[in-house]
N, C-alpha and C. Protein backbone atom coordinates (compact mmCIF):
# COMPACT_ATOMS: atom_id res chain seq x y z
N MET A 1 -19.82 119.15 -58.79
CA MET A 1 -20.65 118.82 -60.28
C MET A 1 -19.89 117.58 -61.63
N LEU A 2 -18.87 117.47 -61.58
CA LEU A 2 -18.22 116.64 -62.38
C LEU A 2 -17.68 115.27 -61.67
N VAL A 3 -18.55 115.62 -60.54
CA VAL A 3 -18.26 114.31 -59.12
C VAL A 3 -19.42 113.55 -59.36
N GLU A 4 -20.81 114.43 -59.22
CA GLU A 4 -21.99 114.29 -59.52
C GLU A 4 -22.10 113.28 -60.46
N VAL A 5 -21.56 113.94 -61.32
CA VAL A 5 -22.15 112.51 -62.96
C VAL A 5 -21.16 111.85 -62.90
N ALA A 6 -19.86 111.59 -62.46
CA ALA A 6 -19.08 111.04 -62.73
C ALA A 6 -18.78 109.27 -62.17
N LEU A 7 -19.60 109.75 -60.87
CA LEU A 7 -19.14 109.02 -59.45
C LEU A 7 -20.12 107.42 -59.99
N PRO A 8 -21.54 107.85 -60.28
CA PRO A 8 -22.30 106.48 -60.86
C PRO A 8 -22.08 105.69 -62.47
N ALA A 9 -21.08 106.90 -62.85
CA ALA A 9 -20.93 105.58 -63.85
C ALA A 9 -19.89 104.61 -63.14
N VAL A 10 -18.78 105.38 -62.46
CA VAL A 10 -17.59 104.67 -61.88
C VAL A 10 -18.16 103.68 -60.88
N VAL A 11 -19.94 103.56 -60.25
CA VAL A 11 -20.16 102.25 -59.68
C VAL A 11 -20.24 101.52 -60.35
N VAL A 12 -21.04 101.98 -61.73
CA VAL A 12 -21.55 101.04 -62.65
C VAL A 12 -20.23 100.03 -63.39
N VAL A 13 -18.99 100.76 -63.66
CA VAL A 13 -17.96 99.91 -64.03
C VAL A 13 -17.54 99.12 -62.68
N TYR A 14 -17.35 99.30 -61.59
CA TYR A 14 -16.50 98.82 -60.40
C TYR A 14 -18.08 97.51 -60.60
N VAL A 15 -18.80 98.24 -60.52
CA VAL A 15 -20.51 96.23 -60.16
C VAL A 15 -19.69 95.76 -61.70
N ALA A 16 -19.62 95.99 -62.64
CA ALA A 16 -19.72 95.05 -63.09
C ALA A 16 -17.87 94.04 -63.09
N SER A 17 -16.73 94.67 -63.34
CA SER A 17 -15.69 93.97 -63.00
C SER A 17 -15.71 93.01 -62.03
N SER A 18 -16.70 93.30 -60.86
CA SER A 18 -16.34 92.44 -59.42
C SER A 18 -17.99 91.15 -60.06
N ILE A 19 -18.35 91.44 -61.02
CA ILE A 19 -19.23 90.53 -61.20
C ILE A 19 -18.09 89.63 -62.38
N ILE A 20 -17.28 90.41 -63.24
CA ILE A 20 -16.13 89.11 -63.63
C ILE A 20 -15.64 88.36 -62.56
N TYR A 21 -15.09 88.97 -61.84
CA TYR A 21 -13.45 87.92 -61.10
C TYR A 21 -14.75 87.46 -59.92
N LEU A 22 -16.08 87.82 -59.46
CA LEU A 22 -16.44 86.57 -59.54
C LEU A 22 -16.54 85.73 -59.75
N ALA A 23 -16.59 85.46 -61.24
CA ALA A 23 -16.84 84.99 -62.28
C ALA A 23 -15.55 84.08 -62.30
N ARG A 24 -14.16 84.55 -62.05
CA ARG A 24 -12.86 84.26 -62.37
C ARG A 24 -12.84 83.03 -60.65
N LEU A 25 -13.48 83.76 -59.91
CA LEU A 25 -13.02 83.58 -58.59
C LEU A 25 -13.92 81.91 -58.43
N VAL A 26 -14.86 82.02 -59.03
CA VAL A 26 -15.81 80.26 -59.40
C VAL A 26 -15.30 79.35 -60.02
N LEU A 27 -14.84 79.64 -61.26
CA LEU A 27 -14.75 78.69 -62.17
C LEU A 27 -12.99 79.14 -62.55
N GLY A 28 -12.46 79.22 -61.51
CA GLY A 28 -10.98 79.57 -62.51
C GLY A 28 -10.09 77.97 -61.65
N PRO A 29 -9.33 78.13 -62.95
CA PRO A 29 -9.31 76.53 -63.38
C PRO A 29 -7.83 76.11 -61.58
N THR A 30 -6.71 77.72 -61.43
CA THR A 30 -6.00 77.19 -61.10
C THR A 30 -6.02 78.16 -59.77
N VAL A 31 -5.46 77.82 -58.16
CA VAL A 31 -5.35 78.33 -57.19
C VAL A 31 -4.76 79.76 -57.59
N PRO A 32 -3.67 79.89 -57.94
CA PRO A 32 -3.51 80.74 -57.92
C PRO A 32 -4.75 82.04 -59.05
N ASP A 33 -5.19 81.33 -59.74
CA ASP A 33 -6.05 82.10 -60.68
C ASP A 33 -7.04 82.71 -59.61
N ARG A 34 -7.55 81.67 -58.68
CA ARG A 34 -7.90 82.12 -57.77
C ARG A 34 -7.88 83.44 -56.70
N VAL A 35 -6.79 82.80 -56.67
CA VAL A 35 -5.89 84.06 -55.56
C VAL A 35 -6.40 85.75 -56.26
N LEU A 36 -5.47 85.76 -57.52
CA LEU A 36 -5.21 86.85 -58.23
C LEU A 36 -7.04 87.28 -58.08
N ALA A 37 -7.86 86.69 -58.66
CA ALA A 37 -9.46 86.97 -58.83
C ALA A 37 -9.77 87.84 -57.70
N LEU A 38 -9.74 86.89 -56.28
CA LEU A 38 -9.95 87.32 -54.97
C LEU A 38 -9.60 88.48 -54.83
N ASP A 39 -7.72 88.91 -54.94
CA ASP A 39 -7.33 90.29 -54.60
C ASP A 39 -7.91 91.17 -55.08
N ALA A 40 -8.29 90.72 -56.36
CA ALA A 40 -8.38 91.98 -57.56
C ALA A 40 -10.08 92.79 -57.06
N LEU A 41 -10.71 91.68 -56.42
CA LEU A 41 -12.28 91.82 -56.14
C LEU A 41 -11.92 92.34 -54.99
N SER A 42 -11.25 91.98 -54.19
CA SER A 42 -11.19 92.68 -52.83
C SER A 42 -10.85 94.27 -53.00
N LEU A 43 -9.50 94.46 -54.04
CA LEU A 43 -9.44 95.22 -54.46
C LEU A 43 -10.36 96.67 -54.45
N ASP A 44 -10.87 96.13 -55.90
CA ASP A 44 -12.43 96.44 -55.92
C ASP A 44 -13.20 97.00 -55.16
N LEU A 45 -13.35 96.30 -54.00
CA LEU A 45 -14.25 96.27 -52.84
C LEU A 45 -13.67 97.81 -52.16
N ALA A 46 -12.40 97.91 -52.23
CA ALA A 46 -11.83 99.12 -51.17
C ALA A 46 -11.46 100.39 -51.82
N VAL A 47 -11.92 100.29 -52.84
CA VAL A 47 -12.11 101.14 -53.63
C VAL A 47 -13.49 102.33 -54.11
N PHE A 48 -14.74 100.59 -54.04
CA PHE A 48 -15.54 101.13 -54.37
C PHE A 48 -16.10 101.24 -53.06
N LEU A 49 -15.74 101.59 -51.84
CA LEU A 49 -16.04 101.97 -50.34
C LEU A 49 -15.39 103.48 -50.73
N VAL A 50 -14.50 103.55 -50.78
CA VAL A 50 -14.17 104.90 -50.73
C VAL A 50 -14.89 105.99 -52.10
N VAL A 51 -15.08 105.36 -52.81
CA VAL A 51 -16.48 106.11 -53.71
C VAL A 51 -17.20 106.26 -53.92
N LEU A 52 -18.02 105.29 -52.41
CA LEU A 52 -19.09 105.12 -52.05
C LEU A 52 -19.14 106.72 -51.03
N SER A 53 -17.90 106.40 -50.20
CA SER A 53 -17.77 107.90 -49.24
C SER A 53 -17.96 109.04 -49.59
N LEU A 54 -17.54 109.20 -50.40
CA LEU A 54 -17.37 110.40 -51.59
C LEU A 54 -19.09 110.29 -52.30
N MET A 55 -19.70 109.86 -52.66
CA MET A 55 -20.88 109.81 -53.18
C MET A 55 -21.51 110.49 -52.03
N LEU A 56 -21.23 110.07 -50.55
CA LEU A 56 -22.13 109.91 -49.72
C LEU A 56 -22.00 111.09 -48.81
N ASN A 57 -21.00 111.58 -48.46
CA ASN A 57 -20.56 112.93 -48.07
C ASN A 57 -20.10 112.09 -46.67
N LYS A 58 -19.58 111.11 -46.57
CA LYS A 58 -19.33 110.54 -45.48
C LYS A 58 -17.63 109.77 -45.08
N PRO A 59 -16.66 111.10 -45.39
CA PRO A 59 -15.37 110.27 -45.34
C PRO A 59 -15.09 109.23 -44.04
N VAL A 60 -15.68 109.14 -42.84
CA VAL A 60 -15.46 108.36 -42.34
C VAL A 60 -15.41 106.94 -42.93
N MET A 61 -15.95 106.49 -43.65
CA MET A 61 -16.15 105.36 -44.56
C MET A 61 -14.78 104.80 -45.18
N ALA A 62 -14.36 106.41 -45.54
CA ALA A 62 -13.22 105.80 -46.58
C ALA A 62 -11.78 104.43 -45.08
N PHE A 63 -12.32 105.36 -43.82
CA PHE A 63 -11.39 104.71 -42.78
C PHE A 63 -11.72 102.90 -42.57
N THR A 64 -12.47 102.77 -43.39
CA THR A 64 -12.43 100.60 -43.33
C THR A 64 -11.72 100.22 -44.34
N VAL A 65 -11.32 101.00 -45.28
CA VAL A 65 -10.16 100.45 -46.50
C VAL A 65 -9.19 99.88 -45.56
N ILE A 66 -8.92 100.64 -44.86
CA ILE A 66 -7.40 99.94 -44.46
C ILE A 66 -7.12 98.99 -43.82
N PRO A 67 -8.14 98.57 -42.82
CA PRO A 67 -7.92 97.21 -42.05
C PRO A 67 -8.26 95.68 -43.50
N LEU A 68 -8.99 96.50 -44.53
CA LEU A 68 -9.61 95.58 -45.94
C LEU A 68 -8.50 95.54 -46.70
N VAL A 69 -7.41 96.49 -46.91
CA VAL A 69 -6.27 96.58 -47.93
C VAL A 69 -5.21 95.61 -46.80
N LEU A 70 -5.29 95.64 -45.35
CA LEU A 70 -4.31 94.86 -44.72
C LEU A 70 -4.29 93.82 -44.49
N TRP A 71 -5.94 93.15 -44.84
CA TRP A 71 -6.05 91.43 -44.93
C TRP A 71 -6.17 91.39 -46.46
N ILE A 72 -5.97 92.03 -47.61
CA ILE A 72 -5.84 91.42 -48.56
C ILE A 72 -4.43 91.13 -48.25
N TYR A 73 -3.32 92.03 -48.19
CA TYR A 73 -1.95 91.82 -48.26
C TYR A 73 -1.68 90.41 -47.25
N ALA A 74 -2.16 90.18 -46.21
CA ALA A 74 -2.27 88.96 -45.36
C ALA A 74 -2.49 87.73 -46.07
N VAL A 75 -3.40 88.17 -46.83
CA VAL A 75 -4.06 86.85 -47.60
C VAL A 75 -3.21 86.56 -48.57
N ASP A 76 -2.41 87.88 -49.56
CA ASP A 76 -1.60 87.11 -50.90
C ASP A 76 -0.48 86.56 -50.01
N ILE A 77 0.15 87.10 -49.10
CA ILE A 77 1.49 86.44 -48.20
C ILE A 77 1.65 85.58 -48.09
N TYR A 78 0.45 85.30 -47.27
CA TYR A 78 0.12 83.41 -46.53
C TYR A 78 0.27 82.51 -48.26
N VAL A 79 -0.69 82.68 -49.05
CA VAL A 79 -0.80 81.34 -50.42
C VAL A 79 0.52 82.05 -50.79
N SER A 80 0.79 82.80 -51.07
CA SER A 80 2.48 82.77 -51.18
C SER A 80 3.15 82.21 -50.84
N LYS A 81 3.07 82.50 -49.52
CA LYS A 81 4.22 81.13 -48.87
C LYS A 81 3.46 79.90 -48.55
N TYR A 82 1.83 79.45 -48.98
CA TYR A 82 1.57 78.07 -49.48
C TYR A 82 1.83 77.25 -50.76
N LEU A 83 2.00 78.33 -51.50
CA LEU A 83 1.99 78.06 -53.06
C LEU A 83 3.96 77.66 -52.86
N GLU A 84 4.82 78.64 -52.40
CA GLU A 84 6.09 78.27 -52.27
C GLU A 84 6.40 76.64 -51.31
N ALA A 85 5.90 76.82 -50.50
CA ALA A 85 6.01 75.32 -50.29
C ALA A 85 5.67 74.13 -50.46
N LYS A 86 4.51 74.32 -51.41
CA LYS A 86 4.07 73.50 -51.82
C LYS A 86 4.79 72.55 -53.22
N GLU A 87 5.52 73.39 -53.36
CA GLU A 87 5.97 73.67 -54.76
C GLU A 87 7.67 72.94 -54.57
N MET A 88 8.11 73.21 -53.32
CA MET A 88 9.36 72.66 -52.99
C MET A 88 9.05 71.74 -52.34
N GLY A 89 8.26 70.66 -51.74
CA GLY A 89 7.85 69.67 -51.16
C GLY A 89 7.67 69.70 -49.83
N GLU A 90 7.75 70.37 -49.24
CA GLU A 90 7.74 71.35 -47.69
C GLU A 90 6.81 70.86 -47.06
């Protein structure tokens, strides 16, 4: 009962935060700002997929989060290595 009331409110919050993250992704003045916005947007998408699987009562949908989270981690590692090598001049 509480889940049915709380989940639509959570969805509204996640949509609002996704819009803010998209604005930061497009308008971000530096590369780290954009990477942070992409990271936050991707993690919000992962949580949103879990919330959606709860709303629709389909637990199989939650398994799609695992590759998404691994992709987020890989992007973070790749960008951090790129930024570190760029600063070192290599």
